[in-house]
Amino acid sequence: MTGSDSARRSTGARRWWALLGFGAAVTVAAAVGGLGVRGASEEYASLNQPDWAPPSWLFAPVWTLLYALIAIAGWLVWRRAGFGPALWAWTAQLALNAIWTPLFFGAGRYGLAFAEIVLMWLAIGVTVALFAKLSRPAAALLLLPYWAWVTFAAALNWSVWQLN
């Protein structure tokens, strides 16, 4: 990468189009995750859950915020370093994110969904480590809440699997 490549990424309309692109990528992942999954709130409510399980209404606002943070983090790293290993890791964790909902809710495969969320958790960890080398705000402020929520979601997934 040359200095002029970095300058082109950080100036003008291109950077705002890129931010929209990162937002679109995250929106697509969220939409793919929701395809064919109708009645997730009702299904969630019908499951045997641990006492510490949050109400179903909490998931939409939390994921909306997290998806925005994920998009901004990817964009910040792109502005700093372009599309390299860090953004390949970002793409991998986003793909794994899209797969979890259909496994858990669409297919009712709680054990397989747990195995998948462990892979997603690991991919987020790799992404955080790679992002930290390029943009501490992208890693610490933007991706750590996501990683924490996925940690919580994995524990909830495990509990639901064991209870059902």
N, C-alpha and C. Protein backbone atom coordinates (compact mmCIF):
# COMPACT_ATOMS: atom_id res chain seq x y z
N MET A 1 0.85 -1.17 0.00
CA MET A 1 0.00 0.00 0.00
C MET A 1 0.89 1.23 0.00
N THR A 2 0.56 2.17 -0.81
CA THR A 2 1.31 3.42 -0.85
C THR A 2 0.54 4.50 -0.11
N GLY A 3 1.23 5.58 0.18
CA GLY A 3 0.58 6.71 0.84
C GLY A 3 -0.56 7.26 0.03
N SER A 4 -0.42 7.24 -1.30
CA SER A 4 -1.50 7.77 -2.14
C SER A 4 -2.72 6.86 -2.09
N ASP A 5 -2.54 5.54 -1.93
CA ASP A 5 -3.69 4.64 -1.79
C ASP A 5 -4.48 4.99 -0.53
N SER A 6 -3.75 5.20 0.56
CA SER A 6 -4.38 5.54 1.83
C SER A 6 -5.08 6.89 1.72
N ALA A 7 -4.45 7.84 1.06
CA ALA A 7 -5.05 9.17 0.90
C ALA A 7 -6.34 9.09 0.10
N ARG A 8 -6.35 8.27 -0.96
CA ARG A 8 -7.57 8.13 -1.77
C ARG A 8 -8.70 7.52 -0.95
N ARG A 9 -8.37 6.58 -0.06
CA ARG A 9 -9.41 5.95 0.75
C ARG A 9 -9.98 6.91 1.80
N SER A 10 -9.19 7.89 2.21
CA SER A 10 -9.63 8.73 3.32
C SER A 10 -10.15 10.09 2.89
N THR A 11 -10.23 10.36 1.62
CA THR A 11 -10.70 11.67 1.19
C THR A 11 -11.86 11.55 0.23
N GLY A 12 -12.64 12.60 0.19
CA GLY A 12 -13.68 12.72 -0.82
C GLY A 12 -14.87 11.80 -0.61
N ALA A 13 -15.66 11.75 -1.65
CA ALA A 13 -16.91 10.99 -1.61
C ALA A 13 -16.66 9.49 -1.50
N ARG A 14 -15.50 9.04 -1.94
CA ARG A 14 -15.22 7.59 -1.92
C ARG A 14 -15.33 7.02 -0.50
N ARG A 15 -14.86 7.76 0.50
CA ARG A 15 -14.91 7.21 1.86
C ARG A 15 -16.34 7.06 2.34
N TRP A 16 -17.23 7.98 1.93
CA TRP A 16 -18.63 7.87 2.36
C TRP A 16 -19.34 6.75 1.62
N TRP A 17 -19.01 6.56 0.35
CA TRP A 17 -19.56 5.42 -0.39
C TRP A 17 -19.07 4.12 0.24
N ALA A 18 -17.82 4.11 0.66
CA ALA A 18 -17.28 2.91 1.30
C ALA A 18 -18.02 2.62 2.61
N LEU A 19 -18.30 3.66 3.39
CA LEU A 19 -19.05 3.46 4.63
C LEU A 19 -20.42 2.87 4.32
N LEU A 20 -21.07 3.38 3.29
CA LEU A 20 -22.36 2.80 2.88
C LEU A 20 -22.18 1.34 2.47
N GLY A 21 -21.07 1.03 1.80
CA GLY A 21 -20.80 -0.35 1.40
C GLY A 21 -20.64 -1.27 2.61
N PHE A 22 -19.92 -0.80 3.62
CA PHE A 22 -19.77 -1.61 4.84
C PHE A 22 -21.12 -1.77 5.53
N GLY A 23 -21.90 -0.70 5.54
CA GLY A 23 -23.25 -0.80 6.11
C GLY A 23 -24.12 -1.78 5.33
N ALA A 24 -23.98 -1.75 4.01
CA ALA A 24 -24.75 -2.69 3.18
C ALA A 24 -24.32 -4.13 3.44
N ALA A 25 -23.02 -4.37 3.58
CA ALA A 25 -22.53 -5.73 3.85
C ALA A 25 -23.11 -6.26 5.16
N VAL A 26 -23.12 -5.43 6.18
CA VAL A 26 -23.67 -5.84 7.47
C VAL A 26 -25.18 -6.05 7.37
N THR A 27 -25.85 -5.19 6.62
CA THR A 27 -27.30 -5.34 6.43
C THR A 27 -27.61 -6.64 5.70
N VAL A 28 -26.83 -6.97 4.69
CA VAL A 28 -27.02 -8.23 3.97
C VAL A 28 -26.82 -9.41 4.91
N ALA A 29 -25.79 -9.37 5.73
CA ALA A 29 -25.57 -10.46 6.68
C ALA A 29 -26.75 -10.61 7.64
N ALA A 30 -27.25 -9.50 8.12
CA ALA A 30 -28.41 -9.55 9.02
C ALA A 30 -29.63 -10.10 8.29
N ALA A 31 -29.83 -9.66 7.06
CA ALA A 31 -30.98 -10.13 6.28
C ALA A 31 -30.87 -11.61 5.95
N VAL A 32 -29.68 -12.05 5.56
CA VAL A 32 -29.46 -13.47 5.27
C VAL A 32 -29.75 -14.28 6.53
N GLY A 33 -29.28 -13.79 7.65
CA GLY A 33 -29.54 -14.47 8.92
C GLY A 33 -31.01 -14.60 9.22
N GLY A 34 -31.79 -13.64 8.78
CA GLY A 34 -33.22 -13.66 9.05
C GLY A 34 -34.07 -14.31 7.99
N LEU A 35 -33.48 -14.67 6.84
CA LEU A 35 -34.26 -15.29 5.78
C LEU A 35 -34.87 -16.61 6.23
N GLY A 36 -36.11 -16.77 5.98
CA GLY A 36 -36.77 -18.03 6.29
C GLY A 36 -36.97 -18.28 7.78
N VAL A 37 -36.69 -17.27 8.60
CA VAL A 37 -36.85 -17.44 10.04
C VAL A 37 -37.99 -16.53 10.48
N ARG A 38 -39.17 -17.05 10.42
CA ARG A 38 -40.36 -16.31 10.87
C ARG A 38 -40.72 -16.79 12.27
N GLY A 39 -41.21 -15.91 13.05
CA GLY A 39 -41.68 -16.29 14.38
C GLY A 39 -40.56 -16.59 15.36
N ALA A 40 -39.38 -15.98 15.17
CA ALA A 40 -38.26 -16.25 16.08
C ALA A 40 -38.60 -15.83 17.51
N SER A 41 -39.31 -14.72 17.68
CA SER A 41 -39.67 -14.27 19.02
C SER A 41 -40.57 -15.28 19.72
N GLU A 42 -41.52 -15.81 18.97
CA GLU A 42 -42.42 -16.81 19.54
C GLU A 42 -41.67 -18.10 19.86
N GLU A 43 -40.78 -18.50 18.96
CA GLU A 43 -40.00 -19.70 19.20
C GLU A 43 -39.11 -19.52 20.43
N TYR A 44 -38.46 -18.36 20.51
CA TYR A 44 -37.60 -18.06 21.65
C TYR A 44 -38.40 -18.13 22.95
N ALA A 45 -39.59 -17.56 22.95
CA ALA A 45 -40.43 -17.55 24.15
C ALA A 45 -40.87 -18.96 24.53
N SER A 46 -41.01 -19.85 23.55
CA SER A 46 -41.48 -21.20 23.84
C SER A 46 -40.38 -22.14 24.35
N LEU A 47 -39.12 -21.71 24.25
CA LEU A 47 -38.00 -22.56 24.67
C LEU A 47 -37.86 -22.55 26.18
N ASN A 48 -37.37 -23.67 26.71
CA ASN A 48 -36.92 -23.68 28.09
C ASN A 48 -35.64 -22.86 28.12
N GLN A 49 -35.61 -21.86 29.01
CA GLN A 49 -34.48 -20.93 29.06
C GLN A 49 -33.96 -20.79 30.48
N PRO A 50 -32.70 -20.40 30.61
CA PRO A 50 -32.19 -20.12 31.95
C PRO A 50 -32.86 -18.85 32.50
N ASP A 51 -32.82 -18.70 33.80
CA ASP A 51 -33.44 -17.54 34.45
C ASP A 51 -32.85 -16.22 33.98
N TRP A 52 -31.61 -16.23 33.53
CA TRP A 52 -30.92 -15.00 33.14
C TRP A 52 -31.11 -14.65 31.66
N ALA A 53 -31.95 -15.40 30.96
CA ALA A 53 -32.20 -15.12 29.54
C ALA A 53 -32.92 -13.77 29.38
N PRO A 54 -32.47 -12.95 28.44
CA PRO A 54 -33.14 -11.66 28.25
C PRO A 54 -34.47 -11.84 27.51
N PRO A 55 -35.35 -10.84 27.60
CA PRO A 55 -36.60 -10.90 26.85
C PRO A 55 -36.33 -10.75 25.35
N SER A 56 -37.20 -11.32 24.55
CA SER A 56 -36.97 -11.32 23.09
C SER A 56 -36.90 -9.91 22.51
N TRP A 57 -37.62 -8.94 23.09
CA TRP A 57 -37.62 -7.59 22.53
C TRP A 57 -36.25 -6.93 22.60
N LEU A 58 -35.36 -7.41 23.46
CA LEU A 58 -34.05 -6.80 23.63
C LEU A 58 -33.11 -7.06 22.45
N PHE A 59 -33.31 -8.17 21.74
CA PHE A 59 -32.36 -8.56 20.71
C PHE A 59 -32.31 -7.59 19.53
N ALA A 60 -33.44 -7.11 19.07
CA ALA A 60 -33.44 -6.21 17.90
C ALA A 60 -32.66 -4.92 18.16
N PRO A 61 -32.89 -4.20 19.25
CA PRO A 61 -32.09 -2.98 19.45
C PRO A 61 -30.61 -3.26 19.68
N VAL A 62 -30.31 -4.33 20.40
CA VAL A 62 -28.90 -4.65 20.64
C VAL A 62 -28.20 -4.98 19.32
N TRP A 63 -28.81 -5.83 18.51
CA TRP A 63 -28.17 -6.20 17.24
C TRP A 63 -28.10 -5.03 16.26
N THR A 64 -29.08 -4.15 16.29
CA THR A 64 -29.02 -2.96 15.43
C THR A 64 -27.80 -2.13 15.77
N LEU A 65 -27.59 -1.89 17.05
CA LEU A 65 -26.42 -1.13 17.49
C LEU A 65 -25.12 -1.87 17.14
N LEU A 66 -25.08 -3.17 17.43
CA LEU A 66 -23.86 -3.93 17.16
C LEU A 66 -23.53 -3.97 15.68
N TYR A 67 -24.53 -4.15 14.83
CA TYR A 67 -24.27 -4.16 13.39
C TYR A 67 -23.72 -2.81 12.92
N ALA A 68 -24.23 -1.72 13.48
CA ALA A 68 -23.68 -0.40 13.12
C ALA A 68 -22.22 -0.31 13.54
N LEU A 69 -21.89 -0.78 14.74
CA LEU A 69 -20.51 -0.75 15.22
C LEU A 69 -19.60 -1.63 14.36
N ILE A 70 -20.10 -2.80 13.96
CA ILE A 70 -19.32 -3.70 13.11
C ILE A 70 -19.00 -3.02 11.77
N ALA A 71 -19.99 -2.36 11.19
CA ALA A 71 -19.78 -1.68 9.91
C ALA A 71 -18.76 -0.55 10.04
N ILE A 72 -18.90 0.25 11.07
CA ILE A 72 -17.97 1.37 11.26
C ILE A 72 -16.56 0.86 11.52
N ALA A 73 -16.43 -0.20 12.31
CA ALA A 73 -15.10 -0.77 12.57
C ALA A 73 -14.43 -1.22 11.27
N GLY A 74 -15.17 -1.94 10.44
CA GLY A 74 -14.62 -2.39 9.16
C GLY A 74 -14.20 -1.21 8.30
N TRP A 75 -15.03 -0.20 8.27
CA TRP A 75 -14.74 1.00 7.47
C TRP A 75 -13.48 1.70 7.97
N LEU A 76 -13.34 1.83 9.29
CA LEU A 76 -12.15 2.49 9.83
C LEU A 76 -10.87 1.73 9.46
N VAL A 77 -10.92 0.42 9.54
CA VAL A 77 -9.74 -0.37 9.18
C VAL A 77 -9.48 -0.28 7.68
N TRP A 78 -10.52 -0.30 6.87
CA TRP A 78 -10.35 -0.14 5.42
C TRP A 78 -9.68 1.20 5.12
N ARG A 79 -10.12 2.26 5.78
CA ARG A 79 -9.51 3.57 5.56
C ARG A 79 -8.04 3.58 5.91
N ARG A 80 -7.67 2.82 6.93
CA ARG A 80 -6.28 2.79 7.40
C ARG A 80 -5.41 1.88 6.54
N ALA A 81 -5.93 0.70 6.18
CA ALA A 81 -5.06 -0.32 5.58
C ALA A 81 -5.58 -0.93 4.29
N GLY A 82 -6.76 -0.56 3.85
CA GLY A 82 -7.30 -1.19 2.66
C GLY A 82 -7.83 -2.58 2.97
N PHE A 83 -8.14 -3.30 1.91
CA PHE A 83 -8.72 -4.64 2.09
C PHE A 83 -7.60 -5.65 2.13
N GLY A 84 -7.27 -6.10 3.34
CA GLY A 84 -6.20 -7.07 3.55
C GLY A 84 -6.65 -8.13 4.53
N PRO A 85 -5.71 -8.78 5.21
CA PRO A 85 -6.04 -9.87 6.13
C PRO A 85 -7.05 -9.49 7.21
N ALA A 86 -6.95 -8.29 7.74
CA ALA A 86 -7.89 -7.88 8.80
C ALA A 86 -9.32 -7.86 8.28
N LEU A 87 -9.52 -7.36 7.07
CA LEU A 87 -10.88 -7.32 6.54
C LEU A 87 -11.35 -8.68 6.02
N TRP A 88 -10.42 -9.56 5.67
CA TRP A 88 -10.83 -10.94 5.36
C TRP A 88 -11.37 -11.59 6.63
N ALA A 89 -10.72 -11.35 7.76
CA ALA A 89 -11.21 -11.88 9.04
C ALA A 89 -12.58 -11.27 9.36
N TRP A 90 -12.73 -9.97 9.14
CA TRP A 90 -14.00 -9.27 9.35
C TRP A 90 -15.10 -9.92 8.50
N THR A 91 -14.78 -10.21 7.26
CA THR A 91 -15.74 -10.84 6.35
C THR A 91 -16.12 -12.24 6.83
N ALA A 92 -15.13 -13.00 7.29
CA ALA A 92 -15.38 -14.36 7.77
C ALA A 92 -16.30 -14.35 8.99
N GLN A 93 -16.03 -13.47 9.95
CA GLN A 93 -16.89 -13.44 11.14
C GLN A 93 -18.29 -12.98 10.78
N LEU A 94 -18.41 -12.10 9.80
CA LEU A 94 -19.73 -11.62 9.39
C LEU A 94 -20.51 -12.75 8.71
N ALA A 95 -19.83 -13.55 7.90
CA ALA A 95 -20.49 -14.71 7.27
C ALA A 95 -20.96 -15.70 8.34
N LEU A 96 -20.12 -15.96 9.32
CA LEU A 96 -20.52 -16.85 10.41
C LEU A 96 -21.70 -16.27 11.19
N ASN A 97 -21.72 -14.97 11.36
CA ASN A 97 -22.82 -14.30 12.03
C ASN A 97 -24.13 -14.56 11.28
N ALA A 98 -24.08 -14.49 9.96
CA ALA A 98 -25.29 -14.69 9.14
C ALA A 98 -25.82 -16.11 9.24
N ILE A 99 -24.95 -17.06 9.50
CA ILE A 99 -25.34 -18.48 9.51
C ILE A 99 -26.02 -18.88 10.82
N TRP A 100 -25.69 -18.22 11.92
CA TRP A 100 -26.17 -18.69 13.22
C TRP A 100 -27.69 -18.70 13.34
N THR A 101 -28.36 -17.63 12.98
CA THR A 101 -29.82 -17.54 13.17
C THR A 101 -30.57 -18.64 12.45
N PRO A 102 -30.26 -18.92 11.16
CA PRO A 102 -30.97 -20.03 10.51
C PRO A 102 -30.71 -21.39 11.18
N LEU A 103 -29.50 -21.58 11.70
CA LEU A 103 -29.21 -22.84 12.40
C LEU A 103 -30.03 -22.96 13.68
N PHE A 104 -30.05 -21.90 14.46
CA PHE A 104 -30.71 -21.94 15.75
C PHE A 104 -32.22 -21.91 15.61
N PHE A 105 -32.73 -20.89 14.93
CA PHE A 105 -34.18 -20.73 14.83
C PHE A 105 -34.78 -21.45 13.65
N GLY A 106 -34.18 -21.34 12.48
CA GLY A 106 -34.76 -21.96 11.29
C GLY A 106 -34.73 -23.47 11.34
N ALA A 107 -33.59 -24.04 11.76
CA ALA A 107 -33.43 -25.49 11.77
C ALA A 107 -33.62 -26.09 13.17
N GLY A 108 -33.60 -25.25 14.21
CA GLY A 108 -33.73 -25.77 15.56
C GLY A 108 -32.58 -26.67 15.97
N ARG A 109 -31.42 -26.44 15.37
CA ARG A 109 -30.23 -27.26 15.63
C ARG A 109 -29.37 -26.54 16.68
N TYR A 110 -29.78 -26.63 17.93
CA TYR A 110 -29.14 -25.86 18.98
C TYR A 110 -27.69 -26.27 19.22
N GLY A 111 -27.39 -27.55 19.12
CA GLY A 111 -26.01 -28.02 19.30
C GLY A 111 -25.12 -27.56 18.16
N LEU A 112 -25.59 -27.68 16.93
CA LEU A 112 -24.83 -27.22 15.77
C LEU A 112 -24.67 -25.70 15.81
N ALA A 113 -25.72 -25.00 16.23
CA ALA A 113 -25.64 -23.55 16.37
C ALA A 113 -24.60 -23.18 17.42
N PHE A 114 -24.50 -23.97 18.49
CA PHE A 114 -23.49 -23.68 19.49
C PHE A 114 -22.08 -23.86 18.92
N ALA A 115 -21.87 -24.94 18.18
CA ALA A 115 -20.55 -25.16 17.56
C ALA A 115 -20.22 -24.00 16.61
N GLU A 116 -21.22 -23.55 15.88
CA GLU A 116 -21.02 -22.46 14.94
C GLU A 116 -20.72 -21.15 15.65
N ILE A 117 -21.40 -20.89 16.77
CA ILE A 117 -21.16 -19.63 17.48
C ILE A 117 -19.77 -19.64 18.13
N VAL A 118 -19.26 -20.81 18.48
CA VAL A 118 -17.89 -20.89 18.99
C VAL A 118 -16.91 -20.50 17.87
N LEU A 119 -17.15 -20.99 16.66
CA LEU A 119 -16.31 -20.58 15.53
C LEU A 119 -16.42 -19.08 15.28
N MET A 120 -17.63 -18.55 15.37
CA MET A 120 -17.83 -17.11 15.19
C MET A 120 -17.07 -16.34 16.27
N TRP A 121 -17.14 -16.80 17.51
CA TRP A 121 -16.45 -16.15 18.62
C TRP A 121 -14.95 -16.11 18.35
N LEU A 122 -14.41 -17.23 17.88
CA LEU A 122 -12.98 -17.29 17.55
C LEU A 122 -12.65 -16.33 16.40
N ALA A 123 -13.51 -16.29 15.38
CA ALA A 123 -13.28 -15.40 14.23
C ALA A 123 -13.34 -13.93 14.67
N ILE A 124 -14.23 -13.61 15.58
CA ILE A 124 -14.29 -12.24 16.10
C ILE A 124 -13.00 -11.93 16.85
N GLY A 125 -12.50 -12.89 17.62
CA GLY A 125 -11.24 -12.69 18.34
C GLY A 125 -10.08 -12.43 17.40
N VAL A 126 -10.01 -13.18 16.31
CA VAL A 126 -8.95 -12.94 15.31
C VAL A 126 -9.13 -11.55 14.72
N THR A 127 -10.36 -11.19 14.42
CA THR A 127 -10.64 -9.87 13.84
C THR A 127 -10.22 -8.76 14.81
N VAL A 128 -10.55 -8.90 16.07
CA VAL A 128 -10.17 -7.90 17.07
C VAL A 128 -8.65 -7.78 17.14
N ALA A 129 -7.95 -8.91 17.16
CA ALA A 129 -6.48 -8.88 17.23
C ALA A 129 -5.88 -8.18 16.01
N LEU A 130 -6.40 -8.51 14.83
CA LEU A 130 -5.88 -7.88 13.61
C LEU A 130 -6.24 -6.40 13.54
N PHE A 131 -7.46 -6.06 13.95
CA PHE A 131 -7.88 -4.67 13.94
C PHE A 131 -7.07 -3.84 14.94
N ALA A 132 -6.72 -4.43 16.09
CA ALA A 132 -5.98 -3.70 17.12
C ALA A 132 -4.64 -3.20 16.60
N LYS A 133 -4.06 -3.92 15.66
CA LYS A 133 -2.78 -3.51 15.07
C LYS A 133 -2.95 -2.32 14.14
N LEU A 134 -4.17 -2.12 13.65
CA LEU A 134 -4.41 -1.08 12.64
C LEU A 134 -5.22 0.10 13.17
N SER A 135 -6.14 -0.16 14.08
CA SER A 135 -7.00 0.90 14.60
C SER A 135 -7.54 0.48 15.96
N ARG A 136 -6.95 1.00 17.01
CA ARG A 136 -7.41 0.65 18.36
C ARG A 136 -8.89 0.99 18.57
N PRO A 137 -9.35 2.15 18.09
CA PRO A 137 -10.79 2.42 18.27
C PRO A 137 -11.67 1.37 17.59
N ALA A 138 -11.29 0.93 16.41
CA ALA A 138 -12.09 -0.08 15.71
C ALA A 138 -12.15 -1.37 16.51
N ALA A 139 -11.04 -1.74 17.11
CA ALA A 139 -10.99 -3.00 17.86
C ALA A 139 -11.63 -2.85 19.24
N ALA A 140 -11.17 -1.89 20.00
CA ALA A 140 -11.57 -1.80 21.40
C ALA A 140 -12.96 -1.21 21.59
N LEU A 141 -13.22 -0.10 20.96
CA LEU A 141 -14.49 0.59 21.20
C LEU A 141 -15.64 0.01 20.38
N LEU A 142 -15.33 -0.51 19.21
CA LEU A 142 -16.40 -0.92 18.31
C LEU A 142 -16.63 -2.43 18.27
N LEU A 143 -15.57 -3.22 18.32
CA LEU A 143 -15.75 -4.67 18.22
C LEU A 143 -15.83 -5.38 19.57
N LEU A 144 -15.26 -4.83 20.61
CA LEU A 144 -15.32 -5.51 21.90
C LEU A 144 -16.75 -5.67 22.44
N PRO A 145 -17.65 -4.67 22.27
CA PRO A 145 -19.03 -4.92 22.70
C PRO A 145 -19.69 -6.08 21.93
N TYR A 146 -19.39 -6.18 20.66
CA TYR A 146 -19.89 -7.28 19.82
C TYR A 146 -19.36 -8.61 20.34
N TRP A 147 -18.06 -8.68 20.60
CA TRP A 147 -17.46 -9.91 21.10
C TRP A 147 -18.07 -10.29 22.46
N ALA A 148 -18.29 -9.30 23.31
CA ALA A 148 -18.91 -9.55 24.61
C ALA A 148 -20.33 -10.09 24.45
N TRP A 149 -21.09 -9.49 23.53
CA TRP A 149 -22.48 -9.94 23.32
C TRP A 149 -22.48 -11.36 22.76
N VAL A 150 -21.59 -11.67 21.86
CA VAL A 150 -21.53 -13.03 21.30
C VAL A 150 -21.09 -14.02 22.38
N THR A 151 -20.26 -13.60 23.31
CA THR A 151 -19.90 -14.45 24.44
C THR A 151 -21.15 -14.78 25.25
N PHE A 152 -21.94 -13.75 25.54
CA PHE A 152 -23.21 -13.94 26.24
C PHE A 152 -24.16 -14.83 25.43
N ALA A 153 -24.25 -14.56 24.13
CA ALA A 153 -25.13 -15.35 23.26
C ALA A 153 -24.71 -16.82 23.22
N ALA A 154 -23.41 -17.06 23.23
CA ALA A 154 -22.92 -18.44 23.23
C ALA A 154 -23.33 -19.15 24.52
N ALA A 155 -23.20 -18.47 25.64
CA ALA A 155 -23.62 -19.06 26.91
C ALA A 155 -25.12 -19.34 26.91
N LEU A 156 -25.89 -18.41 26.36
CA LEU A 156 -27.34 -18.61 26.25
C LEU A 156 -27.65 -19.77 25.32
N ASN A 157 -26.98 -19.83 24.18
CA ASN A 157 -27.16 -20.93 23.23
C ASN A 157 -26.88 -22.27 23.92
N TRP A 158 -25.76 -22.35 24.64
CA TRP A 158 -25.40 -23.58 25.36
C TRP A 158 -26.52 -23.97 26.34
N SER A 159 -26.98 -23.00 27.11
CA SER A 159 -28.02 -23.28 28.10
C SER A 159 -29.31 -23.75 27.45
N VAL A 160 -29.72 -23.07 26.38
CA VAL A 160 -30.94 -23.48 25.68
C VAL A 160 -30.78 -24.88 25.11
N TRP A 161 -29.64 -25.17 24.55
CA TRP A 161 -29.36 -26.51 24.02
C TRP A 161 -29.51 -27.56 25.13
N GLN A 162 -28.94 -27.27 26.29
CA GLN A 162 -28.99 -28.24 27.39
C GLN A 162 -30.41 -28.39 27.96
N LEU A 163 -31.17 -27.31 27.95
CA LEU A 163 -32.52 -27.34 28.53
C LEU A 163 -33.59 -27.86 27.58
N ASN A 164 -33.25 -27.93 26.30
CA ASN A 164 -34.25 -28.36 25.31
C ASN A 164 -33.77 -29.62 24.63
